Amino acid sequence: MIEKGSSVHSTGSGDPRLDRRYAWAEAALKDGDAQAAIEILDQTLSEAYGFTAAWHLFGLAQEALGHNEDAATAWRQCLELDPADHFGARLDLARIGAMPAEDAASENFSGTLFDDYAERFDSHLIEALQYRAPALLKAALARACQQIERPFHFDMVHDLGCGTGLMGEAIRAETGFLAGCDLSPRMVEKARAKTQGDGRPLYDKLAVAGLASFLASRPDHSADLVIAADVFVYLGDLTPAFAQSARVLKRSGLLAFTVQSHDGSGVIVGEDRRFAHAELWLRQKLSETRLLPVRIEEASTRQDRDRPVPGLLVVAERN
């Protein structure tokens, strides 16, 4: 889980004195004294109005006091100063209902986040969060293949948001050509270093790219499987990914993915700053892009604070 207050972009102002104030404010907020944090940040921002990290922290402190309108104003100022949204301000705005969740994704935030996370990614996911998405998704995919009476083998596979290659390791034996993409160069480096049992590279092709741009570069009707394990939790509007997957897939090709889910409608951003998608919303969007759900199963792919996170395993067929 990524903590709500964590930052993956430089928090420096360029002035050591102001940076110390920022650190004091951050410590005060972590200790539960949001008012003290606000008072420190008020002084800091009066001297450095363009201190983006301070605006983001100011928003978190205001939220902690229940001042959501003031928090939203601070996060909008973040976006004014940093339109690329390295601090995930859009996610915070969506989290408090100040922005539609479907508009809140930020590739810059996600890419830098996972660059910082790459060295400890596998061990933290598997040991601390009990991450099981690759194994669960592979099993659901096998059940779907049995259900529609097709071989559990795929000549051309695109692994979206491949990370360090955990999904690739799980599905490699069932693939011919395995291609992966990820926004994080360091994650791709980790995936590139992995090999099969015979010493050959785990992936036949790897690219540092967002999933939409990666799919857009693939030929029409060229893939047998598009798979995305624990990736769509970083995207609100999945329609572009569904549409590109449908274009790239051969007829009867499969799209398999995991999402976090919720009991309401549409798309929301949870306290963990990850997107959760309602099952009905997913069914509607898949149908609009000529993808027919074969299986939708409830499953938790990881833990958060020692509790299972609600989720869905989805396998859809290109018709």
C-alpha atoms as a PDB file:
ATOM      1  CA  MET A   1       0.000   0.000   0.000  1.00  0.00           C
ATOM      2  CA  ILE A   2       1.156   3.567  -0.696  1.00  0.00           C
ATOM      3  CA  GLU A   3       0.586   5.804   2.274  1.00  0.00           C
ATOM      4  CA  LYS A   4      -1.730   8.724   1.643  1.00  0.00           C
ATOM      5  CA  GLY A   5       0.871  11.273   2.631  1.00  0.00           C
ATOM      6  CA  SER A   6       3.784   9.735   0.808  1.00  0.00           C
ATOM      7  CA  SER A   7       5.524  11.666  -1.923  1.00  0.00           C
ATOM      8  CA  VAL A   8       7.503  10.238  -4.792  1.00  0.00           C
ATOM      9  CA  HIS A   9       8.637  13.567  -6.274  1.00  0.00           C
ATOM     10  CA  SER A  10      11.289  15.887  -4.881  1.00  0.00           C
ATOM     11  CA  THR A  11       9.967  17.701  -1.821  1.00  0.00           C
ATOM     12  CA  GLY A  12      12.749  20.273  -1.767  1.00  0.00           C
ATOM     13  CA  SER A  13      12.154  24.027  -2.025  1.00  0.00           C
ATOM     14  CA  GLY A  14      15.762  24.924  -2.747  1.00  0.00           C
ATOM     15  CA  ASP A  15      15.995  26.725   0.613  1.00  0.00           C
ATOM     16  CA  PRO A  16      17.328  24.556   3.490  1.00  0.00           C
ATOM     17  CA  ARG A  17      15.512  26.692   6.062  1.00  0.00           C
ATOM     18  CA  LEU A  18      12.137  26.179   4.376  1.00  0.00           C
ATOM     19  CA  ASP A  19      12.884  22.507   3.827  1.00  0.00           C
ATOM     20  CA  ARG A  20      13.415  22.124   7.582  1.00  0.00           C
ATOM     21  CA  ARG A  21      10.040  23.749   8.192  1.00  0.00           C
ATOM     22  CA  TYR A  22       8.452  21.327   5.759  1.00  0.00           C
ATOM     23  CA  ALA A  23      10.022  18.409   7.637  1.00  0.00           C
ATOM     24  CA  TRP A  24       8.683  19.779  10.943  1.00  0.00           C
ATOM     25  CA  ALA A  25       5.198  20.105   9.450  1.00  0.00           C
ATOM     26  CA  GLU A  26       5.361  16.589   8.052  1.00  0.00           C
ATOM     27  CA  ALA A  27       6.407  15.225  11.450  1.00  0.00           C
ATOM     28  CA  ALA A  28       3.624  17.152  13.199  1.00  0.00           C
ATOM     29  CA  LEU A  29       1.006  15.719  10.861  1.00  0.00           C
ATOM     30  CA  LYS A  30       2.320  12.186  11.358  1.00  0.00           C
ATOM     31  CA  ASP A  31       2.107  12.749  15.119  1.00  0.00           C
ATOM     32  CA  GLY A  32      -1.544  13.744  14.769  1.00  0.00           C
ATOM     33  CA  ASP A  33      -1.136  17.505  15.216  1.00  0.00           C
ATOM     34  CA  ALA A  34      -2.618  18.752  11.949  1.00  0.00           C
ATOM     35  CA  GLN A  35      -3.145  22.275  13.316  1.00  0.00           C
ATOM     36  CA  ALA A  36       0.549  22.649  14.085  1.00  0.00           C
ATOM     37  CA  ALA A  37       1.376  21.434  10.588  1.00  0.00           C
ATOM     38  CA  ILE A  38      -0.957  24.029   9.074  1.00  0.00           C
ATOM     39  CA  GLU A  39       0.589  26.848  11.111  1.00  0.00           C
ATOM     40  CA  ILE A  40       4.107  25.875  10.010  1.00  0.00           C
ATOM     41  CA  LEU A  41       3.043  25.509   6.375  1.00  0.00           C
ATOM     42  CA  ASP A  42       1.225  28.865   6.420  1.00  0.00           C
ATOM     43  CA  GLN A  43       4.515  30.547   7.289  1.00  0.00           C
ATOM     44  CA  THR A  44       6.410  28.462   4.753  1.00  0.00           C
ATOM     45  CA  LEU A  45       4.061  29.145   1.854  1.00  0.00           C
ATOM     46  CA  SER A  46       3.976  32.876   2.605  1.00  0.00           C
ATOM     47  CA  GLU A  47       7.690  32.873   1.739  1.00  0.00           C
ATOM     48  CA  ALA A  48       7.644  30.235  -1.017  1.00  0.00           C
ATOM     49  CA  TYR A  49       4.294  30.245  -2.810  1.00  0.00           C
ATOM     50  CA  GLY A  50       5.634  27.886  -5.476  1.00  0.00           C
ATOM     51  CA  PHE A  51       6.640  25.154  -2.998  1.00  0.00           C
ATOM     52  CA  THR A  52       4.503  22.380  -4.501  1.00  0.00           C
ATOM     53  CA  ALA A  53       5.226  19.721  -1.881  1.00  0.00           C
ATOM     54  CA  ALA A  54       4.180  22.118   0.865  1.00  0.00           C
ATOM     55  CA  TRP A  55       0.845  22.722  -0.868  1.00  0.00           C
ATOM     56  CA  HIS A  56       0.254  18.990  -1.059  1.00  0.00           C
ATOM     57  CA  LEU A  57       1.068  18.521   2.631  1.00  0.00           C
ATOM     58  CA  PHE A  58      -1.083  21.533   3.487  1.00  0.00           C
ATOM     59  CA  GLY A  59      -4.011  19.795   1.783  1.00  0.00           C
ATOM     60  CA  LEU A  60      -3.455  16.611   3.786  1.00  0.00           C
ATOM     61  CA  ALA A  61      -3.361  18.597   7.026  1.00  0.00           C
ATOM     62  CA  GLN A  62      -6.570  20.429   6.140  1.00  0.00           C
ATOM     63  CA  GLU A  63      -8.233  17.119   5.307  1.00  0.00           C
ATOM     64  CA  ALA A  64      -7.146  15.703   8.663  1.00  0.00           C
ATOM     65  CA  LEU A  65      -9.092  18.534  10.351  1.00  0.00           C
ATOM     66  CA  GLY A  66     -12.149  17.864   8.199  1.00  0.00           C
ATOM     67  CA  HIS A  67     -11.627  20.965   6.052  1.00  0.00           C
ATOM     68  CA  ASN A  68     -12.137  19.297   2.688  1.00  0.00           C
ATOM     69  CA  GLU A  69     -12.802  22.506   0.765  1.00  0.00           C
ATOM     70  CA  ASP A  70      -9.505  23.974   1.950  1.00  0.00           C
ATOM     71  CA  ALA A  71      -7.778  20.664   1.159  1.00  0.00           C
ATOM     72  CA  ALA A  72      -9.203  20.730  -2.371  1.00  0.00           C
ATOM     73  CA  THR A  73      -8.012  24.322  -2.863  1.00  0.00           C
ATOM     74  CA  ALA A  74      -4.485  23.301  -1.825  1.00  0.00           C
ATOM     75  CA  TRP A  75      -4.410  20.306  -4.163  1.00  0.00           C
ATOM     76  CA  ARG A  76      -5.700  22.391  -7.064  1.00  0.00           C
ATOM     77  CA  GLN A  77      -2.800  24.751  -6.379  1.00  0.00           C
ATOM     78  CA  CYS A  78      -0.505  21.700  -6.624  1.00  0.00           C
ATOM     79  CA  LEU A  79      -1.869  21.013 -10.087  1.00  0.00           C
ATOM     80  CA  GLU A  80      -1.480  24.653 -11.061  1.00  0.00           C
ATOM     81  CA  LEU A  81       2.195  24.513 -10.088  1.00  0.00           C
ATOM     82  CA  ASP A  82       2.791  20.951 -11.327  1.00  0.00           C
ATOM     83  CA  PRO A  83       0.353  20.040 -14.140  1.00  0.00           C
ATOM     84  CA  ALA A  84       2.212  16.732 -14.563  1.00  0.00           C
ATOM     85  CA  ASP A  85       0.911  15.818 -11.073  1.00  0.00           C
ATOM     86  CA  HIS A  86       3.958  14.141  -9.566  1.00  0.00           C
ATOM     87  CA  PHE A  87       2.323  14.270  -6.104  1.00  0.00           C
ATOM     88  CA  GLY A  88      -0.925  12.535  -7.037  1.00  0.00           C
ATOM     89  CA  ALA A  89      -3.103  15.569  -6.259  1.00  0.00           C
ATOM     90  CA  ARG A  90      -5.750  14.356  -8.699  1.00  0.00           C
ATOM     91  CA  LEU A  91      -6.087  11.141  -6.703  1.00  0.00           C
ATOM     92  CA  ASP A  92      -6.558  13.136  -3.507  1.00  0.00           C
ATOM     93  CA  LEU A  93      -9.170  15.373  -5.139  1.00  0.00           C
ATOM     94  CA  ALA A  94     -11.074  12.317  -6.340  1.00  0.00           C
ATOM     95  CA  ARG A  95     -10.705  10.647  -2.966  1.00  0.00           C
ATOM     96  CA  ILE A  96     -12.665  13.472  -1.273  1.00  0.00           C
ATOM     97  CA  GLY A  97     -15.174  13.784  -4.128  1.00  0.00           C
ATOM     98  CA  ALA A  98     -13.765  17.007  -5.591  1.00  0.00           C
ATOM     99  CA  MET A  99     -12.937  15.456  -8.984  1.00  0.00           C
ATOM    100  CA  PRO A 100     -14.513  12.596 -10.967  1.00  0.00           C
ATOM    101  CA  ALA A 101     -12.534   9.445 -10.225  1.00  0.00           C
ATOM    102  CA  GLU A 102     -12.386   8.521 -13.903  1.00  0.00           C
ATOM    103  CA  ASP A 103     -10.338  11.701 -14.548  1.00  0.00           C
ATOM    104  CA  ALA A 104      -7.877  11.275 -11.687  1.00  0.00           C
ATOM    105  CA  ALA A 105      -5.161   8.953 -13.030  1.00  0.00           C
ATOM    106  CA  SER A 106      -1.615  10.313 -13.377  1.00  0.00           C
ATOM    107  CA  GLU A 107       1.070   8.431 -15.337  1.00  0.00           C
ATOM    108  CA  ASN A 108       3.827  10.641 -13.913  1.00  0.00           C
ATOM    109  CA  PHE A 109       2.825   9.871 -10.333  1.00  0.00           C
ATOM    110  CA  SER A 110       2.549   6.136 -11.005  1.00  0.00           C
ATOM    111  CA  GLY A 111       5.787   5.888 -12.975  1.00  0.00           C
ATOM    112  CA  THR A 112       7.915   7.719 -10.419  1.00  0.00           C
ATOM    113  CA  LEU A 113       6.230   5.870  -7.562  1.00  0.00           C
ATOM    114  CA  PHE A 114       7.220   2.486  -8.917  1.00  0.00           C
ATOM    115  CA  ASP A 115      10.714   3.609  -9.863  1.00  0.00           C
ATOM    116  CA  ASP A 116      11.227   4.304  -6.156  1.00  0.00           C
ATOM    117  CA  TYR A 117       9.554   1.006  -5.227  1.00  0.00           C
ATOM    118  CA  ALA A 118      11.415  -1.276  -7.668  1.00  0.00           C
ATOM    119  CA  GLU A 119      14.196  -2.537  -5.374  1.00  0.00           C
ATOM    120  CA  ARG A 120      11.827  -3.916  -2.731  1.00  0.00           C
ATOM    121  CA  PHE A 121       8.769  -4.527  -4.914  1.00  0.00           C
ATOM    122  CA  ASP A 122       8.720  -8.338  -5.045  1.00  0.00           C
ATOM    123  CA  SER A 123       9.546  -8.945  -1.391  1.00  0.00           C
ATOM    124  CA  HIS A 124       7.186  -6.274  -0.063  1.00  0.00           C
ATOM    125  CA  LEU A 125       4.258  -7.425  -2.181  1.00  0.00           C
ATOM    126  CA  ILE A 126       4.634 -11.124  -1.498  1.00  0.00           C
ATOM    127  CA  GLU A 127       5.756 -11.041   2.136  1.00  0.00           C
ATOM    128  CA  ALA A 128       4.075  -7.943   3.594  1.00  0.00           C
ATOM    129  CA  LEU A 129       0.947  -7.634   1.445  1.00  0.00           C
ATOM    130  CA  GLN A 130       0.455 -11.339   0.657  1.00  0.00           C
ATOM    131  CA  TYR A 131       0.094 -10.453  -3.017  1.00  0.00           C
ATOM    132  CA  ARG A 132      -1.456 -13.278  -5.050  1.00  0.00           C
ATOM    133  CA  ALA A 133      -2.723 -11.623  -8.243  1.00  0.00           C
ATOM    134  CA  PRO A 134      -0.610 -13.573 -10.786  1.00  0.00           C
ATOM    135  CA  ALA A 135      -1.516 -17.004  -9.399  1.00  0.00           C
ATOM    136  CA  LEU A 136      -5.194 -16.133  -8.946  1.00  0.00           C
ATOM    137  CA  LEU A 137      -5.491 -14.581 -12.401  1.00  0.00           C
ATOM    138  CA  LYS A 138      -3.761 -17.518 -14.065  1.00  0.00           C
ATOM    139  CA  ALA A 139      -6.172 -19.926 -12.349  1.00  0.00           C
ATOM    140  CA  ALA A 140      -9.195 -17.866 -13.424  1.00  0.00           C
ATOM    141  CA  LEU A 141      -7.839 -17.781 -16.972  1.00  0.00           C
ATOM    142  CA  ALA A 142      -7.465 -21.568 -16.966  1.00  0.00           C
ATOM    143  CA  ARG A 143     -11.085 -21.943 -15.813  1.00  0.00           C
ATOM    144  CA  ALA A 144     -12.244 -19.558 -18.527  1.00  0.00           C
ATOM    145  CA  CYS A 145     -10.394 -21.513 -21.215  1.00  0.00           C
ATOM    146  CA  GLN A 146     -11.983 -24.727 -20.010  1.00  0.00           C
ATOM    147  CA  GLN A 147     -15.407 -23.049 -19.981  1.00  0.00           C
ATOM    148  CA  ILE A 148     -15.180 -21.856 -23.595  1.00  0.00           C
ATOM    149  CA  GLU A 149     -13.334 -25.002 -24.700  1.00  0.00           C
ATOM    150  CA  ARG A 150     -10.138 -23.425 -25.967  1.00  0.00           C
ATOM    151  CA  PRO A 151      -6.514 -24.478 -25.289  1.00  0.00           C
ATOM    152  CA  PHE A 152      -4.813 -22.933 -22.294  1.00  0.00           C
ATOM    153  CA  HIS A 153      -1.987 -21.626 -24.446  1.00  0.00           C
ATOM    154  CA  PHE A 154      -1.462 -18.254 -26.122  1.00  0.00           C
ATOM    155  CA  ASP A 155       0.908 -17.616 -29.008  1.00  0.00           C
ATOM    156  CA  MET A 156       1.134 -13.845 -28.519  1.00  0.00           C
ATOM    157  CA  VAL A 157       0.709 -12.287 -25.066  1.00  0.00           C
ATOM    158  CA  HIS A 158       0.900  -8.652 -23.924  1.00  0.00           C
ATOM    159  CA  ASP A 159       1.537  -8.195 -20.198  1.00  0.00           C
ATOM    160  CA  LEU A 160       0.387  -4.669 -19.321  1.00  0.00           C
ATOM    161  CA  GLY A 161       2.096  -2.971 -16.407  1.00  0.00           C
ATOM    162  CA  CYS A 162       4.417  -5.944 -16.143  1.00  0.00           C
ATOM    163  CA  GLY A 163       6.399  -4.501 -13.221  1.00  0.00           C
ATOM    164  CA  THR A 164       9.259  -6.798 -12.246  1.00  0.00           C
ATOM    165  CA  GLY A 165       7.747  -9.725 -14.161  1.00  0.00           C
ATOM    166  CA  LEU A 166       5.662 -11.553 -11.554  1.00  0.00           C
ATOM    167  CA  MET A 167       2.775 -12.122 -13.984  1.00  0.00           C
ATOM    168  CA  GLY A 168       5.214 -13.054 -16.710  1.00  0.00           C
ATOM    169  CA  GLU A 169       6.752 -15.718 -14.473  1.00  0.00           C
ATOM    170  CA  ALA A 170       3.303 -17.132 -13.731  1.00  0.00           C
ATOM    171  CA  ILE A 171       2.108 -17.309 -17.361  1.00  0.00           C
ATOM    172  CA  ARG A 172       5.383 -17.977 -19.246  1.00  0.00           C
ATOM    173  CA  ALA A 173       4.810 -21.729 -19.703  1.00  0.00           C
ATOM    174  CA  GLU A 174       1.494 -21.037 -21.430  1.00  0.00           C
ATOM    175  CA  THR A 175       2.856 -18.446 -23.867  1.00  0.00           C
ATOM    176  CA  GLY A 176       4.708 -18.375 -27.145  1.00  0.00           C
ATOM    177  CA  PHE A 177       5.876 -14.736 -27.501  1.00  0.00           C
ATOM    178  CA  LEU A 178       5.622 -12.702 -24.294  1.00  0.00           C
ATOM    179  CA  ALA A 179       5.794  -8.908 -24.437  1.00  0.00           C
ATOM    180  CA  GLY A 180       5.585  -6.587 -21.446  1.00  0.00           C
ATOM    181  CA  CYS A 181       5.375  -2.871 -20.795  1.00  0.00           C
ATOM    182  CA  ASP A 182       5.633  -0.672 -17.712  1.00  0.00           C
ATOM    183  CA  LEU A 183       5.899   3.047 -16.982  1.00  0.00           C
ATOM    184  CA  SER A 184       8.825   2.530 -14.616  1.00  0.00           C
ATOM    185  CA  PRO A 185      12.275   2.075 -16.191  1.00  0.00           C
ATOM    186  CA  ARG A 186      13.578   0.451 -13.011  1.00  0.00           C
ATOM    187  CA  MET A 187      10.743  -2.066 -12.970  1.00  0.00           C
ATOM    188  CA  VAL A 188      11.483  -2.947 -16.586  1.00  0.00           C
ATOM    189  CA  GLU A 189      15.160  -3.404 -15.698  1.00  0.00           C
ATOM    190  CA  LYS A 190      14.154  -5.920 -13.028  1.00  0.00           C
ATOM    191  CA  ALA A 191      11.909  -7.779 -15.492  1.00  0.00           C
ATOM    192  CA  ARG A 192      14.652  -7.782 -18.129  1.00  0.00           C
ATOM    193  CA  ALA A 193      17.057  -9.436 -15.688  1.00  0.00           C
ATOM    194  CA  LYS A 194      14.752 -12.412 -15.114  1.00  0.00           C
ATOM    195  CA  THR A 195      15.218 -15.610 -17.090  1.00  0.00           C
ATOM    196  CA  GLN A 196      13.418 -18.849 -17.806  1.00  0.00           C
ATOM    197  CA  GLY A 197      14.690 -22.194 -16.557  1.00  0.00           C
ATOM    198  CA  ASP A 198      16.803 -22.682 -19.695  1.00  0.00           C
ATOM    199  CA  GLY A 199      18.487 -19.297 -19.310  1.00  0.00           C
ATOM    200  CA  ARG A 200      16.522 -17.494 -22.013  1.00  0.00           C
ATOM    201  CA  PRO A 201      15.047 -14.077 -21.093  1.00  0.00           C
ATOM    202  CA  LEU A 202      11.671 -14.253 -19.367  1.00  0.00           C
ATOM    203  CA  TYR A 203      10.216 -11.685 -21.804  1.00  0.00           C
ATOM    204  CA  ASP A 204      10.718 -11.688 -25.565  1.00  0.00           C
ATOM    205  CA  LYS A 205      10.045  -7.941 -25.703  1.00  0.00           C
ATOM    206  CA  LEU A 206       9.947  -5.209 -23.044  1.00  0.00           C
ATOM    207  CA  ALA A 207       9.077  -1.531 -23.371  1.00  0.00           C
ATOM    208  CA  VAL A 208       9.062   1.434 -21.027  1.00  0.00           C
ATOM    209  CA  ALA A 209       5.629   2.773 -21.889  1.00  0.00           C
ATOM    210  CA  GLY A 210       2.157   3.398 -20.596  1.00  0.00           C
ATOM    211  CA  LEU A 211      -0.254   0.604 -21.391  1.00  0.00           C
ATOM    212  CA  ALA A 212      -2.424   2.707 -23.717  1.00  0.00           C
ATOM    213  CA  SER A 213       0.537   3.883 -25.805  1.00  0.00           C
ATOM    214  CA  PHE A 214       2.032   0.383 -25.835  1.00  0.00           C
ATOM    215  CA  LEU A 215      -1.210  -1.165 -27.093  1.00  0.00           C
ATOM    216  CA  ALA A 216      -1.610   1.632 -29.662  1.00  0.00           C
ATOM    217  CA  SER A 217       1.728   0.562 -31.178  1.00  0.00           C
ATOM    218  CA  ARG A 218       0.585  -3.057 -31.645  1.00  0.00           C
ATOM    219  CA  PRO A 219      -0.997  -4.270 -34.913  1.00  0.00           C
ATOM    220  CA  ASP A 220      -4.717  -4.985 -35.225  1.00  0.00           C
ATOM    221  CA  HIS A 221      -5.862  -8.525 -34.379  1.00  0.00           C
ATOM    222  CA  SER A 222      -2.352  -9.689 -33.480  1.00  0.00           C
ATOM    223  CA  ALA A 223      -2.609 -10.942 -29.883  1.00  0.00           C
ATOM    224  CA  ASP A 224      -4.179 -13.992 -28.272  1.00  0.00           C
ATOM    225  CA  LEU A 225      -4.087 -12.653 -24.716  1.00  0.00           C
ATOM    226  CA  VAL A 226      -3.820  -9.243 -23.061  1.00  0.00           C
ATOM    227  CA  ILE A 227      -3.255  -9.564 -19.328  1.00  0.00           C
ATOM    228  CA  ALA A 228      -3.100  -6.934 -16.587  1.00  0.00           C
ATOM    229  CA  ALA A 229      -2.447  -8.029 -13.000  1.00  0.00           C
ATOM    230  CA  ASP A 230      -2.942  -5.322 -10.362  1.00  0.00           C
ATOM    231  CA  VAL A 231      -2.574  -2.581 -12.988  1.00  0.00           C
ATOM    232  CA  PHE A 232      -6.063  -1.188 -13.503  1.00  0.00           C
ATOM    233  CA  VAL A 233      -6.106  -0.118  -9.840  1.00  0.00           C
ATOM    234  CA  TYR A 234      -4.008   2.847 -11.057  1.00  0.00           C
ATOM    235  CA  LEU A 235      -6.468   3.864 -13.776  1.00  0.00           C
ATOM    236  CA  GLY A 236      -9.923   5.329 -13.381  1.00  0.00           C
ATOM    237  CA  ASP A 237     -11.395   5.253 -16.871  1.00  0.00           C
ATOM    238  CA  LEU A 238     -10.608   1.845 -18.348  1.00  0.00           C
ATOM    239  CA  THR A 239     -12.456   2.482 -21.622  1.00  0.00           C
ATOM    240  CA  PRO A 240      -9.291   3.372 -23.632  1.00  0.00           C
ATOM    241  CA  ALA A 241      -7.491   0.252 -22.351  1.00  0.00           C
ATOM    242  CA  PHE A 242     -10.516  -1.927 -23.154  1.00  0.00           C
ATOM    243  CA  ALA A 243     -10.900  -0.406 -26.625  1.00  0.00           C
ATOM    244  CA  GLN A 244      -7.216  -0.828 -27.499  1.00  0.00           C
ATOM    245  CA  SER A 245      -7.225  -4.380 -26.146  1.00  0.00           C
ATOM    246  CA  ALA A 246     -10.241  -5.224 -28.299  1.00  0.00           C
ATOM    247  CA  ARG A 247      -8.484  -3.799 -31.364  1.00  0.00           C
ATOM    248  CA  VAL A 248      -5.257  -5.695 -30.702  1.00  0.00           C
ATOM    249  CA  LEU A 249      -6.886  -9.035 -29.857  1.00  0.00           C
ATOM    250  CA  LYS A 250      -7.700 -11.643 -32.462  1.00  0.00           C
ATOM    251  CA  ARG A 251     -11.278 -12.812 -32.652  1.00  0.00           C
ATOM    252  CA  SER A 252     -11.875 -14.998 -29.554  1.00  0.00           C
ATOM    253  CA  GLY A 253      -8.730 -13.579 -27.970  1.00  0.00           C
ATOM    254  CA  LEU A 254      -8.894 -12.925 -24.225  1.00  0.00           C
ATOM    255  CA  LEU A 255      -8.425  -9.949 -21.930  1.00  0.00           C
ATOM    256  CA  ALA A 256      -7.684 -10.998 -18.332  1.00  0.00           C
ATOM    257  CA  PHE A 257      -7.253  -8.559 -15.466  1.00  0.00           C
ATOM    258  CA  THR A 258      -7.705  -7.827 -11.777  1.00  0.00           C
ATOM    259  CA  VAL A 259      -9.341  -4.812 -10.163  1.00  0.00           C
ATOM    260  CA  GLN A 260     -10.197  -3.635  -6.706  1.00  0.00           C
ATOM    261  CA  SER A 261     -13.966  -3.487  -6.311  1.00  0.00           C
ATOM    262  CA  HIS A 262     -16.611  -1.756  -4.231  1.00  0.00           C
ATOM    263  CA  ASP A 263     -20.316  -2.229  -3.571  1.00  0.00           C
ATOM    264  CA  GLY A 264     -21.416   1.120  -4.983  1.00  0.00           C
ATOM    265  CA  SER A 265     -21.642   2.278  -8.577  1.00  0.00           C
ATOM    266  CA  GLY A 266     -19.052   3.507 -11.054  1.00  0.00           C
ATOM    267  CA  VAL A 267     -15.458   4.233 -10.094  1.00  0.00           C
ATOM    268  CA  ILE A 268     -14.049   5.566  -6.831  1.00  0.00           C
ATOM    269  CA  VAL A 269     -10.628   6.330  -5.349  1.00  0.00           C
ATOM    270  CA  GLY A 270     -10.151   4.651  -1.985  1.00  0.00           C
ATOM    271  CA  GLU A 271      -8.166   5.709   1.054  1.00  0.00           C
ATOM    272  CA  ASP A 272      -5.193   3.792  -0.367  1.00  0.00           C
ATOM    273  CA  ARG A 273      -5.235   6.117  -3.429  1.00  0.00           C
ATOM    274  CA  ARG A 274      -6.076   3.169  -5.676  1.00  0.00           C
ATOM    275  CA  PHE A 275      -9.102   2.968  -7.942  1.00  0.00           C
ATOM    276  CA  ALA A 276     -11.965   0.586  -7.241  1.00  0.00           C
ATOM    277  CA  HIS A 277     -14.406  -0.362 -10.008  1.00  0.00           C
ATOM    278  CA  ALA A 278     -17.959  -1.630  -9.581  1.00  0.00           C
ATOM    279  CA  GLU A 279     -18.807  -4.881 -11.360  1.00  0.00           C
ATOM    280  CA  LEU A 280     -21.752  -3.382 -13.276  1.00  0.00           C
ATOM    281  CA  TRP A 281     -19.551  -0.538 -14.546  1.00  0.00           C
ATOM    282  CA  LEU A 282     -16.993  -3.069 -15.778  1.00  0.00           C
ATOM    283  CA  ARG A 283     -19.638  -5.127 -17.572  1.00  0.00           C
ATOM    284  CA  GLN A 284     -21.001  -2.040 -19.318  1.00  0.00           C
ATOM    285  CA  LYS A 285     -17.606  -0.774 -20.452  1.00  0.00           C
ATOM    286  CA  LEU A 286     -16.518  -4.204 -21.670  1.00  0.00           C
ATOM    287  CA  SER A 287     -19.726  -4.580 -23.650  1.00  0.00           C
ATOM    288  CA  GLU A 288     -19.248  -1.152 -25.253  1.00  0.00           C
ATOM    289  CA  THR A 289     -15.849  -2.255 -26.566  1.00  0.00           C
ATOM    290  CA  ARG A 290     -16.951  -5.641 -27.969  1.00  0.00           C
ATOM    291  CA  LEU A 291     -15.521  -7.630 -25.072  1.00  0.00           C
ATOM    292  CA  LEU A 292     -17.779 -10.316 -23.611  1.00  0.00           C
ATOM    293  CA  PRO A 293     -17.181 -11.275 -19.953  1.00  0.00           C
ATOM    294  CA  VAL A 294     -16.512 -15.011 -19.710  1.00  0.00           C
ATOM    295  CA  ARG A 295     -15.805 -15.085 -15.968  1.00  0.00           C
ATOM    296  CA  ILE A 296     -16.004 -12.477 -13.220  1.00  0.00           C
ATOM    297  CA  GLU A 297     -14.961 -13.869  -9.857  1.00  0.00           C
ATOM    298  CA  GLU A 298     -14.649 -12.213  -6.469  1.00  0.00           C
ATOM    299  CA  ALA A 299     -11.131 -12.483  -5.067  1.00  0.00           C
ATOM    300  CA  SER A 300      -8.717 -10.532  -2.911  1.00  0.00           C
ATOM    301  CA  THR A 301      -5.256 -10.231  -4.425  1.00  0.00           C
ATOM    302  CA  ARG A 302      -3.558  -8.580  -1.438  1.00  0.00           C
ATOM    303  CA  GLN A 303      -3.889  -7.464   2.183  1.00  0.00           C
ATOM    304  CA  ASP A 304      -4.181  -3.923   3.540  1.00  0.00           C
ATOM    305  CA  ARG A 305      -3.682  -3.459   7.300  1.00  0.00           C
ATOM    306  CA  ASP A 306      -4.024  -7.235   7.637  1.00  0.00           C
ATOM    307  CA  ARG A 307      -7.412  -7.281   5.937  1.00  0.00           C
ATOM    308  CA  PRO A 308      -8.252  -8.677   2.481  1.00  0.00           C
ATOM    309  CA  VAL A 309      -8.851  -5.975  -0.126  1.00  0.00           C
ATOM    310  CA  PRO A 310     -12.067  -6.669  -2.098  1.00  0.00           C
ATOM    311  CA  GLY A 311     -11.397  -7.368  -5.750  1.00  0.00           C
ATOM    312  CA  LEU A 312     -12.464  -9.081  -8.947  1.00  0.00           C
ATOM    313  CA  LEU A 313     -10.778 -11.423 -11.420  1.00  0.00           C
ATOM    314  CA  VAL A 314     -12.112 -10.751 -14.911  1.00  0.00           C
ATOM    315  CA  VAL A 315     -11.669 -12.697 -18.149  1.00  0.00           C
ATOM    316  CA  ALA A 316     -13.369 -11.329 -21.274  1.00  0.00           C
ATOM    317  CA  GLU A 317     -13.449 -12.598 -24.850  1.00  0.00           C
ATOM    318  CA  ARG A 318     -13.161 -10.511 -28.008  1.00  0.00           C
ATOM    319  CA  ASN A 319     -16.281 -11.235 -30.085  1.00  0.00           C
END
